Amino acid sequence: MTSYQLNLSLLASCIVAIIAACTLGSTPMEFSRVLAALFGQSSPADIIVIWQIRLPRALSALAVGAALGMSGAALQGLLRNPLAEPGVLGVTATASLSATFALYYGFAASSPFLLPIYSIAGALVATGLLTAAAIRVQSVVTLILIGVGLSSFSAAAMSLLLNLAPNPFSLSDMINWLLGSVANRSFDDILIVMPFMIAGFGILLFTRRGLSALTLGEEAASGVGLNLRQQRIAVVLGAGLATGASVALAGAIGFIGIVAPHIVRPIVHYDPARSLFPSALLGGLILVIADIGVRLLPTTSELKLGVVAAIIGAPAFIWIAIQRRAVHD
């Protein structure tokens, strides 16, 4: 299968999944009703359900999955490790910490726009620190360790905020954010984060040639003219912007950045440059399907999307790690 055929197939699948997300729910709607509502030729109730509830939710899942999938593929190409993902550099945890901070002090209650803004600000702080580190350090391992340190510190600070929550309502809001969800998202929420997400996508796509060169090893890539420092900065910055925007939109959702690139990589013959776009499409597709499952599961309260993604992704992560160990052994 060529890259063009793969991208076309995944794009078509994403469109089908979005339509399915609009059709399925607690009250299923026929496709003709969904189509009429999309063009404003249905009842006001149907138009509200599609345009204010189901479509924004599906598009949010698609955007978040795409950001995590492309970021994961780029980081795996940069670090030459299939277990790398957006959370490995601590951007996800730092963005979540900033959002939790806004919830703890009640800033998010004053405006619906403040929570995503705080989350993006946290991601940008982490991205700035990592970018500065990428300029100074020569080793990729050192960069990973800095990311692990950021992630550990953010997790500890979040635990402290949860422990000191002033009331059960604040605690519930913070936990819900950390579990990850695209429920009740609106087009306004999407528009707030989209400039950051698009900027991240653009930077990551710009790094494609460098990622291909890195498959030869750092010394060989440097020998063919690749500026390793600039490559690291660009990938870290692009992944930070895209991941921060995804956290701002849906909270902390893990493992999509590992699973999607791992599935795509053999199809594109292990070329990191060719894996970026299909990984984004597949990540979005997986998250839209997972969110449909979340809505259809017969539970008393709706499961959080981040929980479902972890249940699916954690076994996949273990399997990938075992396969990698078997290859090296």
Protein backbone atom coordinates (compact mmCIF):
# COMPACT_ATOMS: atom_id res chain seq x y z
CA MET A 1 0.00 0.00 0.00
CA THR A 2 1.38 3.42 -0.97
CA SER A 3 1.38 6.38 1.41
CA TYR A 4 -1.28 8.06 -0.73
CA GLN A 5 -3.57 5.02 -0.51
CA LEU A 6 -2.98 4.71 3.24
CA ASN A 7 -3.77 8.37 3.89
CA LEU A 8 -6.84 8.25 1.66
CA SER A 9 -8.15 5.12 3.41
CA LEU A 10 -7.59 6.59 6.86
CA LEU A 11 -9.18 9.91 5.87
CA ALA A 12 -12.26 8.10 4.55
CA SER A 13 -12.41 6.05 7.76
CA CYS A 14 -12.24 9.23 9.84
CA ILE A 15 -15.16 10.72 7.92
CA VAL A 16 -17.19 7.53 8.42
CA ALA A 17 -16.33 7.57 12.14
CA ILE A 18 -17.43 11.21 12.49
CA ILE A 19 -20.76 10.38 10.81
CA ALA A 20 -21.14 7.35 13.08
CA ALA A 21 -20.42 9.55 16.12
CA CYS A 22 -23.21 11.90 15.03
CA THR A 23 -25.59 9.00 14.43
CA LEU A 24 -24.96 6.88 17.52
CA GLY A 25 -25.68 7.86 21.08
CA SER A 26 -28.17 7.45 23.91
CA THR A 27 -30.83 8.24 21.31
CA PRO A 28 -29.77 6.85 17.91
CA MET A 29 -30.57 9.01 14.87
CA GLU A 30 -31.05 7.85 11.32
CA PHE A 31 -28.45 8.99 8.80
CA SER A 32 -31.08 11.01 6.91
CA ARG A 33 -31.90 12.95 10.10
CA VAL A 34 -28.21 13.60 10.76
CA LEU A 35 -27.70 14.81 7.19
CA ALA A 36 -30.74 17.10 7.40
CA ALA A 37 -29.55 18.51 10.74
CA LEU A 38 -26.07 19.18 9.33
CA PHE A 39 -27.60 21.36 6.62
CA GLY A 40 -30.06 23.03 9.02
CA GLN A 41 -33.10 21.44 7.41
CA SER A 42 -34.29 19.45 10.42
CA SER A 43 -36.08 20.11 13.68
CA PRO A 44 -34.44 22.56 16.12
CA ALA A 45 -33.88 19.71 18.58
CA ASP A 46 -31.96 17.63 16.02
CA ILE A 47 -29.88 20.64 14.97
CA ILE A 48 -28.93 21.32 18.60
CA VAL A 49 -28.00 17.66 19.21
CA ILE A 50 -25.78 17.51 16.11
CA TRP A 51 -24.21 20.99 16.05
CA GLN A 52 -23.86 21.64 19.78
CA ILE A 53 -23.27 18.17 21.23
CA ARG A 54 -22.28 15.32 18.94
CA LEU A 55 -20.31 16.98 16.12
CA PRO A 56 -18.09 19.18 18.37
CA ARG A 57 -17.41 16.17 20.58
CA ALA A 58 -16.42 13.97 17.63
CA LEU A 59 -14.23 16.67 16.09
CA SER A 60 -12.57 17.26 19.46
CA ALA A 61 -11.71 13.55 19.73
CA LEU A 62 -10.39 13.60 16.15
CA ALA A 63 -8.20 16.67 16.78
CA VAL A 64 -6.83 15.36 20.08
CA GLY A 65 -6.04 11.95 18.61
CA ALA A 66 -4.39 13.53 15.59
CA ALA A 67 -2.20 15.77 17.78
CA LEU A 68 -1.10 12.86 19.97
CA GLY A 69 -0.56 10.52 17.01
CA MET A 70 1.62 12.93 15.03
CA SER A 71 3.55 14.03 18.12
CA GLY A 72 4.22 10.42 19.04
CA ALA A 73 5.44 9.56 15.54
CA ALA A 74 7.78 12.58 15.50
CA LEU A 75 9.20 11.88 18.95
CA GLN A 76 9.75 8.23 18.10
CA GLY A 77 11.62 9.31 14.98
CA LEU A 78 13.70 11.84 16.90
CA LEU A 79 14.56 9.52 19.80
CA ARG A 80 14.63 6.40 17.58
CA ASN A 81 12.56 4.57 20.19
CA PRO A 82 9.08 3.10 19.50
CA LEU A 83 8.15 3.55 23.17
CA ALA A 84 8.45 7.35 23.04
CA GLU A 85 5.24 9.36 23.18
CA PRO A 86 4.14 12.94 24.01
CA GLY A 87 4.05 12.29 27.75
CA VAL A 88 7.69 11.21 27.78
CA LEU A 89 8.95 14.81 27.69
CA GLY A 90 6.64 15.97 30.46
CA VAL A 91 4.53 18.36 28.36
CA THR A 92 1.28 16.49 29.05
CA ALA A 93 1.88 16.45 32.81
CA THR A 94 2.89 20.12 32.93
CA ALA A 95 -0.15 21.20 30.91
CA SER A 96 -2.37 19.12 33.20
CA LEU A 97 -0.74 20.70 36.26
CA SER A 98 -1.46 24.19 34.96
CA ALA A 99 -5.10 23.28 34.28
CA THR A 100 -5.41 21.72 37.74
CA PHE A 101 -3.97 24.92 39.23
CA ALA A 102 -6.70 26.95 37.49
CA LEU A 103 -9.37 24.60 38.86
CA TYR A 104 -7.91 24.61 42.38
CA TYR A 105 -7.96 28.40 42.71
CA GLY A 106 -11.31 28.77 40.95
CA PHE A 107 -9.97 30.74 37.98
CA ALA A 108 -11.73 28.38 35.56
CA ALA A 109 -15.12 29.21 37.06
CA SER A 110 -14.90 32.86 36.02
CA SER A 111 -14.66 32.09 32.30
CA PRO A 112 -14.92 28.91 30.18
CA PHE A 113 -11.91 30.10 28.18
CA LEU A 114 -9.47 30.26 31.10
CA LEU A 115 -9.06 26.51 31.60
CA PRO A 116 -7.73 25.80 28.09
CA ILE A 117 -5.65 28.98 28.19
CA TYR A 118 -3.97 27.88 31.44
CA SER A 119 -3.37 24.43 29.99
CA ILE A 120 -1.74 25.84 26.84
CA ALA A 121 0.35 28.20 28.99
CA GLY A 122 1.62 25.24 31.01
CA ALA A 123 2.49 23.36 27.84
CA LEU A 124 4.34 26.39 26.48
CA VAL A 125 6.36 26.70 29.71
CA ALA A 126 7.37 23.04 29.48
CA THR A 127 8.11 23.40 25.78
CA GLY A 128 10.26 26.47 26.46
CA LEU A 129 12.28 24.63 29.10
CA LEU A 130 12.74 21.62 26.82
CA THR A 131 13.68 23.83 23.89
CA ALA A 132 16.32 25.57 26.01
CA ALA A 133 17.58 22.15 27.12
CA ALA A 134 17.69 20.92 23.51
CA ILE A 135 19.94 23.87 22.65
CA ARG A 136 22.38 23.16 25.48
CA VAL A 137 22.56 19.36 25.75
CA GLN A 138 24.14 17.06 23.18
CA SER A 139 22.56 13.77 24.28
CA VAL A 140 19.02 12.63 23.50
CA VAL A 141 19.10 10.56 26.70
CA THR A 142 19.70 13.73 28.73
CA LEU A 143 16.70 15.36 27.03
CA ILE A 144 14.52 12.36 27.95
CA LEU A 145 15.71 12.50 31.56
CA ILE A 146 14.83 16.20 31.76
CA GLY A 147 11.37 15.33 30.44
CA VAL A 148 10.98 12.56 33.02
CA GLY A 149 11.99 15.02 35.72
CA LEU A 150 9.39 17.55 34.52
CA SER A 151 6.74 14.85 34.43
CA SER A 152 7.58 13.60 37.93
CA PHE A 153 7.58 17.09 39.41
CA SER A 154 4.25 17.93 37.75
CA ALA A 155 2.70 14.69 38.97
CA ALA A 156 3.85 15.41 42.52
CA ALA A 157 2.51 18.98 42.38
CA MET A 158 -0.84 17.71 41.04
CA SER A 159 -1.03 15.18 43.88
CA LEU A 160 -0.38 18.01 46.35
CA LEU A 161 -3.20 20.11 44.86
CA LEU A 162 -5.56 17.14 45.00
CA ASN A 163 -4.58 16.50 48.60
CA LEU A 164 -5.23 20.13 49.53
CA ALA A 165 -8.49 20.50 47.57
CA PRO A 166 -10.68 22.93 49.54
CA ASN A 167 -13.94 21.03 48.93
CA PRO A 168 -15.26 17.85 47.26
CA PHE A 169 -16.52 19.82 44.25
CA SER A 170 -13.07 21.21 43.41
CA LEU A 171 -11.58 17.75 43.91
CA SER A 172 -14.15 16.25 41.54
CA ASP A 173 -13.44 18.87 38.87
CA MET A 174 -9.69 18.28 39.07
CA ILE A 175 -10.02 14.49 38.93
CA ASN A 176 -12.41 14.70 35.96
CA TRP A 177 -9.89 16.87 34.10
CA LEU A 178 -7.01 14.50 34.83
CA LEU A 179 -9.02 11.48 33.63
CA GLY A 180 -9.55 13.05 30.18
CA SER A 181 -12.80 13.57 28.27
CA VAL A 182 -14.23 15.34 25.23
CA ALA A 183 -17.77 15.46 26.62
CA ASN A 184 -19.50 18.87 26.52
CA ARG A 185 -16.88 20.40 24.23
CA SER A 186 -18.01 23.18 21.90
CA PHE A 187 -16.73 24.74 18.70
CA ASP A 188 -15.48 27.65 20.81
CA ASP A 189 -13.27 25.25 22.76
CA ILE A 190 -11.90 23.85 19.49
CA LEU A 191 -11.24 27.31 18.05
CA ILE A 192 -9.27 28.37 21.14
CA VAL A 193 -6.73 25.55 20.82
CA MET A 194 -6.68 25.14 17.04
CA PRO A 195 -4.05 27.85 16.28
CA PHE A 196 -1.59 26.15 18.66
CA MET A 197 -2.40 22.71 17.29
CA ILE A 198 -2.02 23.80 13.66
CA ALA A 199 1.29 25.50 14.49
CA GLY A 200 2.49 22.26 16.08
CA PHE A 201 1.41 20.23 13.05
CA GLY A 202 3.19 22.63 10.70
CA ILE A 203 6.46 22.48 12.64
CA LEU A 204 6.39 18.68 12.87
CA LEU A 205 5.69 18.28 9.15
CA PHE A 206 8.59 20.65 8.47
CA THR A 207 10.92 18.21 10.30
CA ARG A 208 10.11 15.25 8.04
CA ARG A 209 13.39 15.19 6.08
CA GLY A 210 15.42 15.41 9.24
CA LEU A 211 13.52 12.51 10.79
CA SER A 212 14.28 10.37 7.74
CA ALA A 213 17.97 11.28 7.97
CA LEU A 214 18.05 10.29 11.66
CA THR A 215 17.24 6.69 10.72
CA LEU A 216 20.89 6.50 9.62
CA GLY A 217 22.07 7.48 13.11
CA GLU A 218 23.05 10.89 14.49
CA GLU A 219 26.61 10.86 13.15
CA ALA A 220 25.52 9.86 9.64
CA ALA A 221 22.65 12.36 9.69
CA SER A 222 25.04 15.11 10.75
CA GLY A 223 27.38 14.02 7.97
CA VAL A 224 24.69 14.56 5.32
CA GLY A 225 24.10 18.09 6.57
CA LEU A 226 21.39 17.75 9.23
CA ASN A 227 21.62 20.27 12.05
CA LEU A 228 20.84 18.00 15.02
CA ARG A 229 20.25 20.86 17.45
CA GLN A 230 17.73 22.58 15.19
CA GLN A 231 16.02 19.24 14.53
CA ARG A 232 15.60 18.54 18.24
CA ILE A 233 14.31 22.04 18.93
CA ALA A 234 11.78 21.85 16.09
CA VAL A 235 10.43 18.42 17.07
CA VAL A 236 10.21 19.31 20.76
CA LEU A 237 8.50 22.63 20.00
CA GLY A 238 6.04 21.12 17.52
CA ALA A 239 5.19 18.20 19.80
CA GLY A 240 4.84 20.55 22.76
CA LEU A 241 2.41 22.86 20.99
CA ALA A 242 0.29 20.03 19.58
CA THR A 243 0.24 18.06 22.84
CA GLY A 244 -0.47 21.12 24.95
CA ALA A 245 -3.41 22.01 22.74
CA SER A 246 -4.74 18.45 23.04
CA VAL A 247 -4.51 18.57 26.84
CA ALA A 248 -6.25 21.95 26.80
CA LEU A 249 -9.11 20.44 24.83
CA ALA A 250 -9.53 17.03 26.45
CA GLY A 251 -7.34 16.73 29.53
CA ALA A 252 -4.72 14.02 29.97
CA ILE A 253 -5.09 11.15 27.47
CA GLY A 254 -2.23 8.72 27.09
CA PHE A 255 -0.95 5.90 24.89
CA ILE A 256 -2.48 7.11 21.59
CA GLY A 257 0.93 8.56 20.74
CA ILE A 258 2.47 5.10 21.08
CA VAL A 259 -0.18 2.85 19.54
CA ALA A 260 -1.01 4.81 16.36
CA PRO A 261 2.60 5.23 15.11
CA HIS A 262 3.39 1.61 15.97
CA ILE A 263 0.54 0.37 13.75
CA VAL A 264 1.48 2.72 10.90
CA ARG A 265 5.26 2.20 10.97
CA PRO A 266 5.44 -1.22 9.23
CA ILE A 267 3.03 -0.07 6.50
CA VAL A 268 5.27 2.89 5.58
CA HIS A 269 8.43 0.72 5.77
CA TYR A 270 9.59 2.31 9.05
CA ASP A 271 10.09 5.75 7.49
CA PRO A 272 9.39 8.39 10.19
CA ALA A 273 8.70 11.08 7.57
CA ARG A 274 5.96 9.04 5.92
CA SER A 275 4.46 8.03 9.28
CA LEU A 276 3.57 11.51 10.55
CA PHE A 277 0.36 12.17 8.64
CA PRO A 278 -1.10 8.63 8.76
CA SER A 279 -0.27 8.43 12.48
CA ALA A 280 -2.28 11.62 13.00
CA LEU A 281 -5.23 10.23 11.05
CA LEU A 282 -5.11 6.87 12.81
CA GLY A 283 -4.77 8.50 16.24
CA GLY A 284 -7.83 10.61 15.53
CA LEU A 285 -9.75 7.59 14.23
CA ILE A 286 -8.90 5.49 17.31
CA LEU A 287 -10.00 8.24 19.69
CA VAL A 288 -13.28 8.91 17.84
CA ILE A 289 -14.11 5.18 17.92
CA ALA A 290 -13.13 4.99 21.61
CA ASP A 291 -15.40 7.95 22.40
CA ILE A 292 -18.29 6.29 20.56
CA GLY A 293 -17.71 3.23 22.74
CA VAL A 294 -17.67 5.41 25.85
CA ARG A 295 -21.08 6.83 24.94
CA LEU A 296 -22.61 3.44 24.12
CA LEU A 297 -21.37 1.46 27.14
CA PRO A 298 -24.32 0.66 29.47
CA THR A 299 -22.81 2.20 32.61
CA THR A 300 -24.56 4.27 35.26
CA SER A 301 -22.08 7.11 34.70
CA GLU A 302 -20.10 7.73 31.53
CA LEU A 303 -16.55 6.43 31.57
CA LYS A 304 -13.80 8.95 30.94
CA LEU A 305 -12.09 8.79 27.56
CA GLY A 306 -8.63 8.88 29.11
CA VAL A 307 -9.47 5.79 31.18
CA VAL A 308 -10.65 3.85 28.13
CA ALA A 309 -7.59 4.95 26.13
CA ALA A 310 -5.33 3.72 28.96
CA ILE A 311 -7.16 0.38 29.19
CA ILE A 312 -6.63 -0.13 25.45
CA GLY A 313 -3.18 1.45 25.25
CA ALA A 314 -1.43 0.01 28.32
CA PRO A 315 -1.54 -3.64 27.10
CA ALA A 316 -0.41 -2.41 23.67
CA PHE A 317 2.49 -0.57 25.33
CA ILE A 318 3.54 -3.73 27.19
CA TRP A 319 3.30 -5.79 23.99
CA ILE A 320 5.44 -3.27 22.06
CA ALA A 321 8.02 -3.28 24.87
CA ILE A 322 8.16 -7.10 24.86
CA GLN A 323 8.53 -7.19 21.08
CA ARG A 324 11.33 -4.63 21.24
CA ARG A 325 13.11 -6.62 23.96
CA ALA A 326 12.76 -9.84 21.90
CA VAL A 327 14.30 -8.15 18.86
CA HIS A 328 17.30 -6.86 20.86
CA ASP A 329 17.78 -10.20 22.63
